[in-house]
All heavy atoms as atom14 arrays in JSON, in Angstrom:
{
  "sequence": "DSRITDAVNEAKDNVKYLYSLEKYYHPLYNSDPVSMVDAIPGLINA",
  "atom14_mask": [
    [1, 1, 1, 1, 1, 1, 1, 1, 0, 0, 0, 0, 0, 0],
    [1, 1, 1, 1, 1, 1, 0, 0, 0, 0, 0, 0, 0, 0],
    [1, 1, 1, 1, 1, 1, 1, 1, 1, 1, 1, 0, 0, 0],
    [1, 1, 1, 1, 1, 1, 1, 1, 0, 0, 0, 0, 0, 0],
    [1, 1, 1, 1, 1, 1, 1, 0, 0, 0, 0, 0, 0, 0],
    [1, 1, 1, 1, 1, 1, 1, 1, 0, 0, 0, 0, 0, 0],
    [1, 1, 1, 1, 1, 0, 0, 0, 0, 0, 0, 0, 0, 0],
    [1, 1, 1, 1, 1, 1, 1, 0, 0, 0, 0, 0, 0, 0],
    [1, 1, 1, 1, 1, 1, 1, 1, 0, 0, 0, 0, 0, 0],
    [1, 1, 1, 1, 1, 1, 1, 1, 1, 0, 0, 0, 0, 0],
    [1, 1, 1, 1, 1, 0, 0, 0, 0, 0, 0, 0, 0, 0],
    [1, 1, 1, 1, 1, 1, 1, 1, 1, 0, 0, 0, 0, 0],
    [1, 1, 1, 1, 1, 1, 1, 1, 0, 0, 0, 0, 0, 0],
    [1, 1, 1, 1, 1, 1, 1, 1, 0, 0, 0, 0, 0, 0],
    [1, 1, 1, 1, 1, 1, 1, 0, 0, 0, 0, 0, 0, 0],
    [1, 1, 1, 1, 1, 1, 1, 1, 1, 0, 0, 0, 0, 0],
    [1, 1, 1, 1, 1, 1, 1, 1, 1, 1, 1, 1, 0, 0],
    [1, 1, 1, 1, 1, 1, 1, 1, 0, 0, 0, 0, 0, 0],
    [1, 1, 1, 1, 1, 1, 1, 1, 1, 1, 1, 1, 0, 0],
    [1, 1, 1, 1, 1, 1, 0, 0, 0, 0, 0, 0, 0, 0],
    [1, 1, 1, 1, 1, 1, 1, 1, 0, 0, 0, 0, 0, 0],
    [1, 1, 1, 1, 1, 1, 1, 1, 1, 0, 0, 0, 0, 0],
    [1, 1, 1, 1, 1, 1, 1, 1, 1, 0, 0, 0, 0, 0],
    [1, 1, 1, 1, 1, 1, 1, 1, 1, 1, 1, 1, 0, 0],
    [1, 1, 1, 1, 1, 1, 1, 1, 1, 1, 1, 1, 0, 0],
    [1, 1, 1, 1, 1, 1, 1, 1, 1, 1, 0, 0, 0, 0],
    [1, 1, 1, 1, 1, 1, 1, 0, 0, 0, 0, 0, 0, 0],
    [1, 1, 1, 1, 1, 1, 1, 1, 0, 0, 0, 0, 0, 0],
    [1, 1, 1, 1, 1, 1, 1, 1, 1, 1, 1, 1, 0, 0],
    [1, 1, 1, 1, 1, 1, 1, 1, 0, 0, 0, 0, 0, 0],
    [1, 1, 1, 1, 1, 1, 0, 0, 0, 0, 0, 0, 0, 0],
    [1, 1, 1, 1, 1, 1, 1, 1, 0, 0, 0, 0, 0, 0],
    [1, 1, 1, 1, 1, 1, 1, 0, 0, 0, 0, 0, 0, 0],
    [1, 1, 1, 1, 1, 1, 1, 0, 0, 0, 0, 0, 0, 0],
    [1, 1, 1, 1, 1, 1, 0, 0, 0, 0, 0, 0, 0, 0],
    [1, 1, 1, 1, 1, 1, 1, 1, 0, 0, 0, 0, 0, 0],
    [1, 1, 1, 1, 1, 1, 1, 0, 0, 0, 0, 0, 0, 0],
    [1, 1, 1, 1, 1, 1, 1, 1, 0, 0, 0, 0, 0, 0],
    [1, 1, 1, 1, 1, 0, 0, 0, 0, 0, 0, 0, 0, 0],
    [1, 1, 1, 1, 1, 1, 1, 1, 0, 0, 0, 0, 0, 0],
    [1, 1, 1, 1, 1, 1, 1, 0, 0, 0, 0, 0, 0, 0],
    [1, 1, 1, 1, 0, 0, 0, 0, 0, 0, 0, 0, 0, 0],
    [1, 1, 1, 1, 1, 1, 1, 1, 0, 0, 0, 0, 0, 0],
    [1, 1, 1, 1, 1, 1, 1, 1, 0, 0, 0, 0, 0, 0],
    [1, 1, 1, 1, 1, 1, 1, 1, 0, 0, 0, 0, 0, 0],
    [1, 1, 1, 1, 1, 0, 0, 0, 0, 0, 0, 0, 0, 0]
  ],
  "atom14_positions": [
    [[-16.92, 16.94, -18.95], [-17.71, 15.71, -18.89], [-16.86, 14.55, -18.35], [-17.33, 13.76, -17.53], [-18.27, 15.39, -20.27], [-19.28, 14.27, -20.23], [-20.17, 14.28, -19.35], [-19.2, 13.36, -21.09], [0.0, 0.0, 0.0], [0.0, 0.0, 0.0], [0.0, 0.0, 0.0], [0.0, 0.0, 0.0], [0.0, 0.0, 0.0], [0.0, 0.0, 0.0]],
    [[-15.63, 14.49, -18.77], [-14.72, 13.44, -18.3], [-14.44, 13.6, -16.8], [-14.43, 12.62, -16.06], [-13.41, 13.5, -19.09], [-12.5, 12.58, -18.58], [0.0, 0.0, 0.0], [0.0, 0.0, 0.0], [0.0, 0.0, 0.0], [0.0, 0.0, 0.0], [0.0, 0.0, 0.0], [0.0, 0.0, 0.0], [0.0, 0.0, 0.0], [0.0, 0.0, 0.0]],
    [[-14.23, 14.83, -16.35], [-13.99, 15.07, -14.93], [-15.2, 14.71, -14.09], [-15.08, 14.13, -13.0], [-13.61, 16.53, -14.7], [-12.22, 16.88, -15.18], [-11.85, 18.32, -14.95], [-11.92, 18.65, -13.53], [-12.06, 19.89, -13.08], [-12.13, 20.91, -13.92], [-12.11, 20.13, -11.78], [0.0, 0.0, 0.0], [0.0, 0.0, 0.0], [0.0, 0.0, 0.0]],
    [[-16.39, 15.02, -14.59], [-17.63, 14.68, -13.88], [-17.79, 13.16, -13.79], [-18.11, 12.62, -12.74], [-18.85, 15.33, -14.55], [-18.78, 16.86, -14.36], [-20.16, 14.76, -14.01], [-19.75, 17.63, -15.24], [0.0, 0.0, 0.0], [0.0, 0.0, 0.0], [0.0, 0.0, 0.0], [0.0, 0.0, 0.0], [0.0, 0.0, 0.0], [0.0, 0.0, 0.0]],
    [[-17.54, 12.49, -14.9], [-17.63, 11.03, -14.93], [-16.66, 10.4, -13.94], [-17.02, 9.48, -13.19], [-17.37, 10.5, -16.35], [-18.34, 11.07, -17.23], [-17.45, 8.98, -16.41], [0.0, 0.0, 0.0], [0.0, 0.0, 0.0], [0.0, 0.0, 0.0], [0.0, 0.0, 0.0], [0.0, 0.0, 0.0], [0.0, 0.0, 0.0], [0.0, 0.0, 0.0]],
    [[-15.44, 10.9, -13.89], [-14.45, 10.39, -12.94], [-14.9, 10.62, -11.5], [-14.75, 9.74, -10.65], [-13.09, 11.05, -13.16], [-12.39, 10.56, -14.41], [-12.78, 9.51, -14.95], [-11.43, 11.24, -14.85], [0.0, 0.0, 0.0], [0.0, 0.0, 0.0], [0.0, 0.0, 0.0], [0.0, 0.0, 0.0], [0.0, 0.0, 0.0], [0.0, 0.0, 0.0]],
    [[-15.45, 11.8, -11.23], [-15.91, 12.12, -9.87], [-17.06, 11.21, -9.45], [-17.12, 10.76, -8.3], [-16.31, 13.58, -9.78], [0.0, 0.0, 0.0], [0.0, 0.0, 0.0], [0.0, 0.0, 0.0], [0.0, 0.0, 0.0], [0.0, 0.0, 0.0], [0.0, 0.0, 0.0], [0.0, 0.0, 0.0], [0.0, 0.0, 0.0], [0.0, 0.0, 0.0]],
    [[-17.99, 10.95, -10.36], [-19.11, 10.06, -10.06], [-18.59, 8.65, -9.78], [-19.0, 8.01, -8.8], [-20.14, 10.03, -11.22], [-21.13, 8.89, -11.06], [-20.86, 11.34, -11.33], [0.0, 0.0, 0.0], [0.0, 0.0, 0.0], [0.0, 0.0, 0.0], [0.0, 0.0, 0.0], [0.0, 0.0, 0.0], [0.0, 0.0, 0.0], [0.0, 0.0, 0.0]],
    [[-17.69, 8.18, -10.61], [-17.15, 6.83, -10.43], [-16.38, 6.72, -9.12], [-16.48, 5.71, -8.41], [-16.27, 6.44, -11.61], [-17.06, 6.21, -12.87], [-18.25, 5.91, -12.83], [-16.43, 6.38, -14.01], [0.0, 0.0, 0.0], [0.0, 0.0, 0.0], [0.0, 0.0, 0.0], [0.0, 0.0, 0.0], [0.0, 0.0, 0.0], [0.0, 0.0, 0.0]],
    [[-15.61, 7.76, -8.78], [-14.88, 7.75, -7.51], [-15.84, 7.7, -6.33], [-15.65, 6.91, -5.4], [-13.99, 8.99, -7.4], [-13.26, 9.08, -6.08], [-12.45, 10.34, -5.91], [-12.75, 11.35, -6.57], [-11.52, 10.32, -5.09], [0.0, 0.0, 0.0], [0.0, 0.0, 0.0], [0.0, 0.0, 0.0], [0.0, 0.0, 0.0], [0.0, 0.0, 0.0]],
    [[-16.86, 8.52, -6.36], [-17.82, 8.56, -5.26], [-18.55, 7.22, -5.13], [-18.72, 6.71, -4.02], [-18.82, 9.7, -5.45], [0.0, 0.0, 0.0], [0.0, 0.0, 0.0], [0.0, 0.0, 0.0], [0.0, 0.0, 0.0], [0.0, 0.0, 0.0], [0.0, 0.0, 0.0], [0.0, 0.0, 0.0], [0.0, 0.0, 0.0], [0.0, 0.0, 0.0]],
    [[-18.97, 6.63, -6.24], [-19.65, 5.33, -6.2], [-18.75, 4.26, -5.59], [-19.17, 3.48, -4.73], [-20.05, 4.88, -7.61], [-21.27, 5.52, -8.16], [-21.56, 4.96, -9.55], [-22.68, 5.73, -10.22], [-22.88, 5.27, -11.61], [0.0, 0.0, 0.0], [0.0, 0.0, 0.0], [0.0, 0.0, 0.0], [0.0, 0.0, 0.0], [0.0, 0.0, 0.0]],
    [[-17.52, 4.23, -6.05], [-16.56, 3.23, -5.57], [-16.3, 3.41, -4.08], [-16.32, 2.44, -3.31], [-15.25, 3.39, -6.37], [-14.33, 2.2, -6.23], [-14.75, 1.07, -6.54], [-13.17, 2.4, -5.8], [0.0, 0.0, 0.0], [0.0, 0.0, 0.0], [0.0, 0.0, 0.0], [0.0, 0.0, 0.0], [0.0, 0.0, 0.0], [0.0, 0.0, 0.0]],
    [[-16.09, 4.64, -3.66], [-15.79, 4.9, -2.25], [-16.97, 4.59, -1.35], [-16.8, 4.03, -0.27], [-15.32, 6.34, -2.06], [-13.96, 6.58, -2.68], [-13.26, 5.65, -3.07], [-13.58, 7.84, -2.79], [0.0, 0.0, 0.0], [0.0, 0.0, 0.0], [0.0, 0.0, 0.0], [0.0, 0.0, 0.0], [0.0, 0.0, 0.0], [0.0, 0.0, 0.0]],
    [[-18.17, 4.93, -1.79], [-19.36, 4.6, -1.0], [-19.5, 3.09, -0.85], [-19.77, 2.58, 0.24], [-20.64, 5.23, -1.62], [-21.9, 4.63, -1.03], [-20.63, 6.74, -1.42], [0.0, 0.0, 0.0], [0.0, 0.0, 0.0], [0.0, 0.0, 0.0], [0.0, 0.0, 0.0], [0.0, 0.0, 0.0], [0.0, 0.0, 0.0], [0.0, 0.0, 0.0]],
    [[-19.28, 2.38, -1.94], [-19.39, 0.91, -1.9], [-18.43, 0.33, -0.86], [-18.82, -0.49, -0.01], [-19.09, 0.34, -3.28], [-19.03, -1.17, -3.34], [-18.77, -1.69, -4.73], [-17.37, -1.4, -5.17], [-17.0, -2.04, -6.44], [0.0, 0.0, 0.0], [0.0, 0.0, 0.0], [0.0, 0.0, 0.0], [0.0, 0.0, 0.0], [0.0, 0.0, 0.0]],
    [[-17.19, 0.75, -0.89], [-16.21, 0.2, 0.03], [-16.42, 0.67, 1.46], [-16.23, -0.09, 2.41], [-14.79, 0.5, -0.44], [-14.4, -0.34, -1.64], [-14.18, 0.24, -2.87], [-14.31, -1.72, -1.53], [-13.84, -0.54, -3.97], [-13.98, -2.51, -2.62], [-13.75, -1.9, -3.84], [-13.44, -2.69, -4.92], [0.0, 0.0, 0.0], [0.0, 0.0, 0.0]],
    [[-16.79, 1.92, 1.63], [-17.02, 2.42, 2.99], [-18.24, 1.77, 3.62], [-18.28, 1.57, 4.84], [-17.12, 3.94, 2.99], [-15.79, 4.65, 2.69], [-16.02, 6.13, 2.45], [-14.8, 4.43, 3.82], [0.0, 0.0, 0.0], [0.0, 0.0, 0.0], [0.0, 0.0, 0.0], [0.0, 0.0, 0.0], [0.0, 0.0, 0.0], [0.0, 0.0, 0.0]],
    [[-19.25, 1.43, 2.82], [-20.4, 0.69, 3.36], [-19.95, -0.68, 3.89], [-20.49, -1.18, 4.87], [-21.48, 0.48, 2.3], [-22.62, 1.45, 2.39], [-23.0, 2.19, 1.29], [-23.36, 1.61, 3.57], [-24.06, 3.1, 1.37], [-24.41, 2.49, 3.65], [-24.76, 3.22, 2.54], [-25.79, 4.11, 2.62], [0.0, 0.0, 0.0], [0.0, 0.0, 0.0]],
    [[-18.95, -1.27, 3.24], [-18.49, -2.58, 3.69], [-17.82, -2.5, 5.07], [-17.71, -3.51, 5.76], [-17.53, -3.2, 2.68], [-16.28, -2.54, 2.69], [0.0, 0.0, 0.0], [0.0, 0.0, 0.0], [0.0, 0.0, 0.0], [0.0, 0.0, 0.0], [0.0, 0.0, 0.0], [0.0, 0.0, 0.0], [0.0, 0.0, 0.0], [0.0, 0.0, 0.0]],
    [[-17.39, -1.32, 5.48], [-16.78, -1.14, 6.8], [-17.8, -0.97, 7.91], [-17.46, -1.09, 9.09], [-15.87, 0.1, 6.81], [-14.63, 0.09, 5.95], [-13.9, 1.41, 6.08], [-13.73, -1.06, 6.33], [0.0, 0.0, 0.0], [0.0, 0.0, 0.0], [0.0, 0.0, 0.0], [0.0, 0.0, 0.0], [0.0, 0.0, 0.0], [0.0, 0.0, 0.0]],
    [[-19.04, -0.67, 7.54], [-20.05, -0.29, 8.53], [-20.2, -1.33, 9.64], [-20.26, -0.98, 10.81], [-21.38, -0.05, 7.83], [-22.36, 0.73, 8.64], [-23.55, 1.18, 7.82], [-23.95, 0.45, 6.88], [-24.08, 2.24, 8.12], [0.0, 0.0, 0.0], [0.0, 0.0, 0.0], [0.0, 0.0, 0.0], [0.0, 0.0, 0.0], [0.0, 0.0, 0.0]],
    [[-20.23, -2.59, 9.29], [-20.42, -3.63, 10.32], [-19.23, -3.7, 11.28], [-19.37, -4.14, 12.41], [-20.66, -4.99, 9.69], [-19.52, -5.53, 8.87], [-19.89, -6.85, 8.22], [-18.78, -7.3, 7.28], [-19.18, -8.43, 6.48], [0.0, 0.0, 0.0], [0.0, 0.0, 0.0], [0.0, 0.0, 0.0], [0.0, 0.0, 0.0], [0.0, 0.0, 0.0]],
    [[-18.06, -3.23, 10.82], [-16.88, -3.26, 11.68], [-16.77, -2.03, 12.58], [-16.29, -2.12, 13.69], [-15.6, -3.37, 10.83], [-15.54, -4.65, 10.04], [-15.73, -4.64, 8.67], [-15.31, -5.87, 10.66], [-15.68, -5.81, 7.93], [-15.27, -7.05, 9.94], [-15.46, -7.01, 8.57], [-15.41, -8.17, 7.85], [0.0, 0.0, 0.0], [0.0, 0.0, 0.0]],
    [[-17.19, -0.86, 12.06], [-17.07, 0.33, 12.91], [-18.31, 0.59, 13.75], [-18.28, 1.4, 14.66], [-16.64, 1.58, 12.13], [-17.62, 2.15, 11.14], [-18.8, 2.75, 11.54], [-17.32, 2.15, 9.79], [-19.68, 3.3, 10.63], [-18.2, 2.71, 8.87], [-19.36, 3.29, 9.3], [-20.23, 3.84, 8.4], [0.0, 0.0, 0.0], [0.0, 0.0, 0.0]],
    [[-19.4, -0.12, 13.49], [-20.61, 0.04, 14.29], [-20.34, -0.17, 15.78], [-20.8, 0.62, 16.61], [-21.7, -0.9, 13.77], [-23.03, -0.7, 14.4], [-23.8, 0.4, 14.14], [-23.71, -1.45, 15.3], [-24.92, 0.32, 14.85], [-24.88, -0.79, 15.56], [0.0, 0.0, 0.0], [0.0, 0.0, 0.0], [0.0, 0.0, 0.0], [0.0, 0.0, 0.0]],
    [[-19.58, -1.2, 16.18], [-19.28, -1.38, 17.61], [-18.5, -0.21, 18.23], [-18.59, 0.02, 19.43], [-18.43, -2.66, 17.65], [-18.8, -3.4, 16.42], [-19.11, -2.35, 15.4], [0.0, 0.0, 0.0], [0.0, 0.0, 0.0], [0.0, 0.0, 0.0], [0.0, 0.0, 0.0], [0.0, 0.0, 0.0], [0.0, 0.0, 0.0], [0.0, 0.0, 0.0]],
    [[-17.76, 0.54, 17.42], [-17.02, 1.68, 17.95], [-17.97, 2.76, 18.47], [-17.62, 3.51, 19.38], [-16.09, 2.28, 16.89], [-15.03, 1.35, 16.32], [-14.2, 2.09, 15.26], [-14.14, 0.8, 17.4], [0.0, 0.0, 0.0], [0.0, 0.0, 0.0], [0.0, 0.0, 0.0], [0.0, 0.0, 0.0], [0.0, 0.0, 0.0], [0.0, 0.0, 0.0]],
    [[-19.14, 2.83, 17.89], [-20.13, 3.82, 18.29], [-21.05, 3.32, 19.4], [-21.61, 4.12, 20.14], [-21.0, 4.22, 17.09], [-20.29, 5.06, 16.08], [-19.76, 4.5, 14.93], [-20.14, 6.44, 16.26], [-19.12, 5.29, 13.99], [-19.5, 7.22, 15.32], [-18.98, 6.64, 14.19], [-18.34, 7.41, 13.27], [0.0, 0.0, 0.0], [0.0, 0.0, 0.0]],
    [[-21.24, 2.01, 19.48], [-22.29, 1.47, 20.35], [-21.8, 0.52, 21.44], [-22.62, -0.12, 22.08], [-23.32, 0.73, 19.49], [-23.96, 1.64, 18.49], [-24.32, 2.77, 18.8], [-24.09, 1.18, 17.26], [0.0, 0.0, 0.0], [0.0, 0.0, 0.0], [0.0, 0.0, 0.0], [0.0, 0.0, 0.0], [0.0, 0.0, 0.0], [0.0, 0.0, 0.0]],
    [[-20.5, 0.41, 21.65], [-19.99, -0.54, 22.64], [-19.13, 0.16, 23.68], [-18.68, 1.28, 23.48], [-19.14, -1.61, 21.94], [-19.9, -2.31, 21.0], [0.0, 0.0, 0.0], [0.0, 0.0, 0.0], [0.0, 0.0, 0.0], [0.0, 0.0, 0.0], [0.0, 0.0, 0.0], [0.0, 0.0, 0.0], [0.0, 0.0, 0.0], [0.0, 0.0, 0.0]],
    [[-18.89, -0.56, 24.73], [-17.95, -0.06, 25.74], [-16.53, -0.3, 25.22], [-16.33, -1.1, 24.31], [-18.19, -0.76, 27.07], [-17.98, -2.26, 26.97], [-18.93, -2.96, 26.55], [-16.87, -2.71, 27.28], [0.0, 0.0, 0.0], [0.0, 0.0, 0.0], [0.0, 0.0, 0.0], [0.0, 0.0, 0.0], [0.0, 0.0, 0.0], [0.0, 0.0, 0.0]],
    [[-15.54, 0.38, 25.78], [-14.15, 0.24, 25.27], [-13.63, -1.19, 25.24], [-12.9, -1.56, 24.32], [-13.34, 1.11, 26.24], [-14.31, 2.14, 26.72], [-15.64, 1.43, 26.79], [0.0, 0.0, 0.0], [0.0, 0.0, 0.0], [0.0, 0.0, 0.0], [0.0, 0.0, 0.0], [0.0, 0.0, 0.0], [0.0, 0.0, 0.0], [0.0, 0.0, 0.0]],
    [[-14.0, -2.01, 26.19], [-13.53, -3.39, 26.2], [-14.1, -4.17, 25.01], [-13.4, -4.91, 24.33], [-13.89, -4.08, 27.54], [-13.52, -5.56, 27.5], [-13.21, -3.37, 28.7], [0.0, 0.0, 0.0], [0.0, 0.0, 0.0], [0.0, 0.0, 0.0], [0.0, 0.0, 0.0], [0.0, 0.0, 0.0], [0.0, 0.0, 0.0], [0.0, 0.0, 0.0]],
    [[-15.38, -3.96, 24.71], [-16.01, -4.65, 23.58], [-15.5, -4.13, 22.24], [-15.48, -4.87, 21.25], [-17.52, -4.48, 23.63], [-18.03, -5.0, 24.83], [0.0, 0.0, 0.0], [0.0, 0.0, 0.0], [0.0, 0.0, 0.0], [0.0, 0.0, 0.0], [0.0, 0.0, 0.0], [0.0, 0.0, 0.0], [0.0, 0.0, 0.0], [0.0, 0.0, 0.0]],
    [[-15.09, -2.88, 22.21], [-14.57, -2.29, 20.97], [-13.32, -3.01, 20.49], [-13.1, -3.15, 19.29], [-14.22, -0.82, 21.17], [-15.37, 0.11, 21.25], [-14.7, 1.76, 21.46], [-16.12, 2.55, 22.15], [0.0, 0.0, 0.0], [0.0, 0.0, 0.0], [0.0, 0.0, 0.0], [0.0, 0.0, 0.0], [0.0, 0.0, 0.0], [0.0, 0.0, 0.0]],
    [[-12.53, -3.47, 21.42], [-11.26, -4.11, 21.07], [-11.48, -5.3, 20.14], [-10.68, -5.53, 19.23], [-10.5, -4.52, 22.36], [-9.26, -5.33, 22.04], [-10.13, -3.3, 23.16], [0.0, 0.0, 0.0], [0.0, 0.0, 0.0], [0.0, 0.0, 0.0], [0.0, 0.0, 0.0], [0.0, 0.0, 0.0], [0.0, 0.0, 0.0], [0.0, 0.0, 0.0]],
    [[-12.55, -6.03, 20.33], [-12.83, -7.19, 19.5], [-13.12, -6.8, 18.04], [-12.88, -7.6, 17.13], [-14.02, -7.97, 20.05], [-13.73, -8.59, 21.42], [-12.54, -8.79, 21.74], [-14.7, -8.86, 22.16], [0.0, 0.0, 0.0], [0.0, 0.0, 0.0], [0.0, 0.0, 0.0], [0.0, 0.0, 0.0], [0.0, 0.0, 0.0], [0.0, 0.0, 0.0]],
    [[-13.61, -5.6, 17.81], [-13.95, -5.16, 16.46], [-12.74, -4.64, 15.69], [-12.76, -4.6, 14.45], [-15.02, -4.08, 16.52], [0.0, 0.0, 0.0], [0.0, 0.0, 0.0], [0.0, 0.0, 0.0], [0.0, 0.0, 0.0], [0.0, 0.0, 0.0], [0.0, 0.0, 0.0], [0.0, 0.0, 0.0], [0.0, 0.0, 0.0], [0.0, 0.0, 0.0]],
    [[-11.69, -4.26, 16.37], [-10.54, -3.6, 15.73], [-9.84, -4.47, 14.68], [-9.58, -4.0, 13.58], [-9.54, -3.08, 16.79], [-10.21, -2.07, 17.72], [-8.29, -2.51, 16.14], [-10.67, -0.8, 17.05], [0.0, 0.0, 0.0], [0.0, 0.0, 0.0], [0.0, 0.0, 0.0], [0.0, 0.0, 0.0], [0.0, 0.0, 0.0], [0.0, 0.0, 0.0]],
    [[-9.51, -5.73, 14.96], [-8.81, -6.53, 13.93], [-9.61, -6.66, 12.62], [-9.04, -6.54, 11.53], [-8.63, -7.9, 14.59], [-8.64, -7.62, 16.06], [-9.62, -6.48, 16.23], [0.0, 0.0, 0.0], [0.0, 0.0, 0.0], [0.0, 0.0, 0.0], [0.0, 0.0, 0.0], [0.0, 0.0, 0.0], [0.0, 0.0, 0.0], [0.0, 0.0, 0.0]],
    [[-10.9, -6.88, 12.73], [-11.73, -6.98, 11.52], [-11.77, -5.67, 10.76], [-11.71, -5.66, 9.52], [0.0, 0.0, 0.0], [0.0, 0.0, 0.0], [0.0, 0.0, 0.0], [0.0, 0.0, 0.0], [0.0, 0.0, 0.0], [0.0, 0.0, 0.0], [0.0, 0.0, 0.0], [0.0, 0.0, 0.0], [0.0, 0.0, 0.0], [0.0, 0.0, 0.0]],
    [[-11.85, -4.58, 11.49], [-11.87, -3.26, 10.86], [-10.56, -2.98, 10.14], [-10.56, -2.52, 8.98], [-12.15, -2.18, 11.91], [-12.19, -0.74, 11.43], [-13.28, -0.55, 10.37], [-12.44, 0.2, 12.6], [0.0, 0.0, 0.0], [0.0, 0.0, 0.0], [0.0, 0.0, 0.0], [0.0, 0.0, 0.0], [0.0, 0.0, 0.0], [0.0, 0.0, 0.0]],
    [[-9.45, -3.28, 10.77], [-8.14, -3.05, 10.15], [-7.98, -3.92, 8.91], [-7.49, -3.46, 7.87], [-7.01, -3.26, 11.17], [-7.06, -2.12, 12.19], [-5.65, -3.33, 10.48], [-6.12, -2.28, 13.34], [0.0, 0.0, 0.0], [0.0, 0.0, 0.0], [0.0, 0.0, 0.0], [0.0, 0.0, 0.0], [0.0, 0.0, 0.0], [0.0, 0.0, 0.0]],
    [[-8.4, -5.16, 8.98], [-8.32, -6.04, 7.81], [-9.2, -5.54, 6.67], [-8.82, -5.61, 5.5], [-8.69, -7.48, 8.18], [-7.58, -8.17, 8.93], [-6.4, -7.84, 8.78], [-7.94, -9.13, 9.77], [0.0, 0.0, 0.0], [0.0, 0.0, 0.0], [0.0, 0.0, 0.0], [0.0, 0.0, 0.0], [0.0, 0.0, 0.0], [0.0, 0.0, 0.0]],
    [[-10.38, -5.04, 7.0], [-11.28, -4.51, 5.97], [-10.68, -3.26, 5.32], [-10.77, -3.08, 4.1], [-12.65, -4.2, 6.57], [0.0, 0.0, 0.0], [0.0, 0.0, 0.0], [0.0, 0.0, 0.0], [0.0, 0.0, 0.0], [0.0, 0.0, 0.0], [0.0, 0.0, 0.0], [0.0, 0.0, 0.0], [0.0, 0.0, 0.0], [0.0, 0.0, 0.0]]
  ]
}
């Protein structure tokens, strides 16, 4: 039960933080290489 609780908490925490990166990595999927460069500093800081 303790291991399951830890796993749930880890997954919740990681999903929360990885969602916060979405706005920064979105340009990596949808932009040309020159436009991607502008998104990199924000992504690294996040």
